[in-house]
Amino acid sequence: MKKIVLLVVLMLSTLSMAMASKDSRGVLLMSEEEWMNFYNQPGNDIPLCAIIGSLKMEEGYIKDGKKMGETLAENKKRQRDISLALAGQGLKDVNQGNTKVHELYYAAVCKRFTDKEYNMVGSLSFKNEMERIFSEHQFEYDVTE
């Protein structure tokens, strides 16, 4: 019985350490695995979703006035670089050109957030930006496949 109780306590303490938290700036912190789950559709494990999503979240925090590791211009350049790389692989956005291909990719492949997840992030700029992306790039999925 003691072993079972000890095992349960150990499992709970491990889970609590892996839960999302915020730093002193109010920036959401998670483990790499949690970020992958946060940005991907259930069952997917696509690193580019986490990269694009994290850049968009960082952009939102910068626009909200939080001090981040890079400037807004640097962040936007990284987003453009990803778009150009995706365009170089053949992905095109006929409406917005090559500099916003990463947004098309995100809307087509990655996760749309719930209000609960937006509240967890705590950035109105991020929410507005992601909602704009999903409204500009709408896809219909066949859920029977």
Protein backbone atom coordinates (compact mmCIF):
# COMPACT_ATOMS: atom_id res chain seq x y z
CA MET A 1 0.00 0.00 0.00
CA LYS A 2 2.85 2.40 0.81
CA LYS A 3 4.34 1.75 -2.62
CA ILE A 4 1.05 2.60 -4.33
CA VAL A 5 0.68 5.84 -2.37
CA LEU A 6 4.30 6.76 -3.11
CA LEU A 7 3.82 6.00 -6.79
CA VAL A 8 0.67 8.17 -6.95
CA VAL A 9 2.45 11.07 -5.19
CA LEU A 10 5.39 10.75 -7.57
CA MET A 11 3.09 10.76 -10.61
CA LEU A 12 1.18 13.81 -9.37
CA SER A 13 4.36 15.73 -8.64
CA THR A 14 5.70 14.91 -12.11
CA LEU A 15 2.48 16.08 -13.73
CA SER A 16 2.43 19.30 -11.77
CA MET A 17 5.98 20.12 -12.87
CA ALA A 18 5.03 19.64 -16.52
CA MET A 19 1.95 21.88 -16.39
CA ALA A 20 1.95 25.21 -18.18
CA SER A 21 2.85 28.27 -16.16
CA LYS A 22 3.58 31.95 -16.74
CA ASP A 23 6.72 33.88 -16.00
CA SER A 24 6.90 37.28 -14.30
CA ARG A 25 5.98 39.03 -17.59
CA GLY A 26 2.85 36.94 -17.99
CA VAL A 27 4.36 34.91 -20.84
CA LEU A 28 3.15 31.33 -21.13
CA LEU A 29 5.80 28.68 -20.45
CA MET A 30 5.56 25.00 -21.41
CA SER A 31 7.80 22.06 -22.17
CA GLU A 32 8.69 21.25 -25.78
CA GLU A 33 6.23 18.36 -25.83
CA GLU A 34 3.45 20.57 -24.45
CA TRP A 35 4.12 23.18 -27.15
CA MET A 36 3.90 20.46 -29.82
CA ASN A 37 0.53 19.37 -28.42
CA PHE A 38 -0.63 22.97 -28.02
CA TYR A 39 -0.09 23.93 -31.67
CA ASN A 40 -0.91 20.65 -33.43
CA GLN A 41 -4.18 18.99 -34.32
CA PRO A 42 -4.81 15.94 -32.12
CA GLY A 43 -2.66 13.06 -33.33
CA ASN A 44 -0.25 15.27 -35.29
CA ASP A 45 3.34 16.02 -34.34
CA ILE A 46 4.40 18.65 -36.89
CA PRO A 47 7.31 20.82 -35.70
CA LEU A 48 6.47 23.66 -38.11
CA CYS A 49 3.13 24.16 -36.33
CA ALA A 50 4.97 24.85 -33.07
CA ILE A 51 7.50 27.12 -34.80
CA ILE A 52 4.90 29.25 -36.61
CA GLY A 53 2.54 29.28 -33.64
CA SER A 54 5.32 30.31 -31.26
CA LEU A 55 6.38 33.13 -33.56
CA LYS A 56 2.78 34.35 -33.72
CA MET A 57 2.46 34.12 -29.94
CA GLU A 58 5.72 36.01 -29.46
CA GLU A 59 4.47 38.64 -31.93
CA GLY A 60 1.30 38.98 -29.87
CA TYR A 61 3.23 39.40 -26.63
CA ILE A 62 5.47 42.04 -28.24
CA LYS A 63 2.42 43.94 -29.51
CA ASP A 64 0.95 43.72 -26.00
CA GLY A 65 4.08 45.48 -24.69
CA LYS A 66 5.89 42.51 -23.16
CA LYS A 67 9.69 42.47 -23.47
CA MET A 68 10.68 39.42 -25.49
CA GLY A 69 13.98 38.03 -26.75
CA GLU A 70 13.68 39.73 -30.13
CA THR A 71 12.08 42.81 -31.64
CA LEU A 72 8.89 42.83 -33.68
CA ALA A 73 10.95 43.45 -36.84
CA GLU A 74 13.16 40.42 -36.12
CA ASN A 75 10.10 38.29 -35.42
CA LYS A 76 8.43 39.37 -38.66
CA LYS A 77 11.62 38.62 -40.61
CA ARG A 78 11.67 35.08 -39.24
CA GLN A 79 8.04 34.65 -40.27
CA ARG A 80 8.84 35.93 -43.78
CA ASP A 81 11.82 33.55 -43.99
CA ILE A 82 9.53 30.61 -43.19
CA SER A 83 7.04 31.80 -45.81
CA LEU A 84 9.74 32.07 -48.44
CA ALA A 85 11.04 28.60 -47.57
CA LEU A 86 7.52 27.16 -47.88
CA ALA A 87 7.04 29.02 -51.18
CA GLY A 88 10.33 27.55 -52.35
CA GLN A 89 8.82 24.11 -51.70
CA GLY A 90 5.86 24.96 -53.93
CA LEU A 91 3.25 26.23 -51.46
CA LYS A 92 1.61 29.39 -52.78
CA ASP A 93 -0.87 31.89 -51.39
CA VAL A 94 -2.60 33.37 -54.43
CA ASN A 95 -4.25 36.09 -52.33
CA GLN A 96 -1.32 37.42 -50.27
CA GLY A 97 1.85 36.45 -52.12
CA ASN A 98 4.88 34.67 -50.70
CA THR A 99 5.32 36.63 -47.46
CA LYS A 100 2.24 35.18 -45.76
CA VAL A 101 2.49 31.54 -46.88
CA HIS A 102 3.25 30.51 -43.29
CA GLU A 103 -0.22 31.72 -42.28
CA LEU A 104 -1.85 29.66 -45.03
CA TYR A 105 0.17 26.64 -43.89
CA TYR A 106 -0.80 27.17 -40.25
CA ALA A 107 -4.52 27.48 -41.04
CA ALA A 108 -4.46 24.38 -43.25
CA VAL A 109 -2.41 22.08 -41.03
CA CYS A 110 -2.22 23.32 -37.46
CA LYS A 111 -4.60 23.83 -34.56
CA ARG A 112 -7.28 26.46 -34.10
CA PHE A 113 -7.53 27.53 -30.46
CA THR A 114 -10.43 27.51 -28.05
CA ASP A 115 -11.33 30.50 -25.89
CA LYS A 116 -9.92 28.60 -22.90
CA GLU A 117 -6.55 28.27 -24.70
CA TYR A 118 -6.57 31.94 -25.71
CA ASN A 119 -7.23 32.86 -22.07
CA MET A 120 -4.33 30.65 -20.99
CA VAL A 121 -2.02 32.52 -23.40
CA GLY A 122 -3.31 35.86 -22.13
CA SER A 123 -2.62 37.93 -25.24
CA LEU A 124 -5.45 39.71 -27.01
CA SER A 125 -3.10 40.54 -29.90
CA PHE A 126 -2.31 36.83 -30.37
CA LYS A 127 -6.00 35.92 -30.32
CA ASN A 128 -6.87 38.63 -32.84
CA GLU A 129 -4.01 37.60 -35.14
CA MET A 130 -4.87 33.89 -35.05
CA GLU A 131 -8.57 34.56 -35.60
CA ARG A 132 -7.65 36.76 -38.58
CA ILE A 133 -5.51 33.96 -40.03
CA PHE A 134 -8.29 31.39 -39.70
CA SER A 135 -10.91 33.74 -41.14
CA GLU A 136 -8.73 34.59 -44.17
CA HIS A 137 -7.76 30.96 -44.84
CA GLN A 138 -10.79 28.74 -44.48
CA PHE A 139 -10.60 25.04 -45.27
CA GLU A 140 -13.23 22.35 -45.20
CA TYR A 141 -12.19 18.97 -43.90
CA ASP A 142 -13.80 15.61 -44.53
CA VAL A 143 -14.10 14.15 -41.04
CA THR A 144 -15.22 10.75 -42.38
CA GLU A 145 -11.73 9.84 -43.65
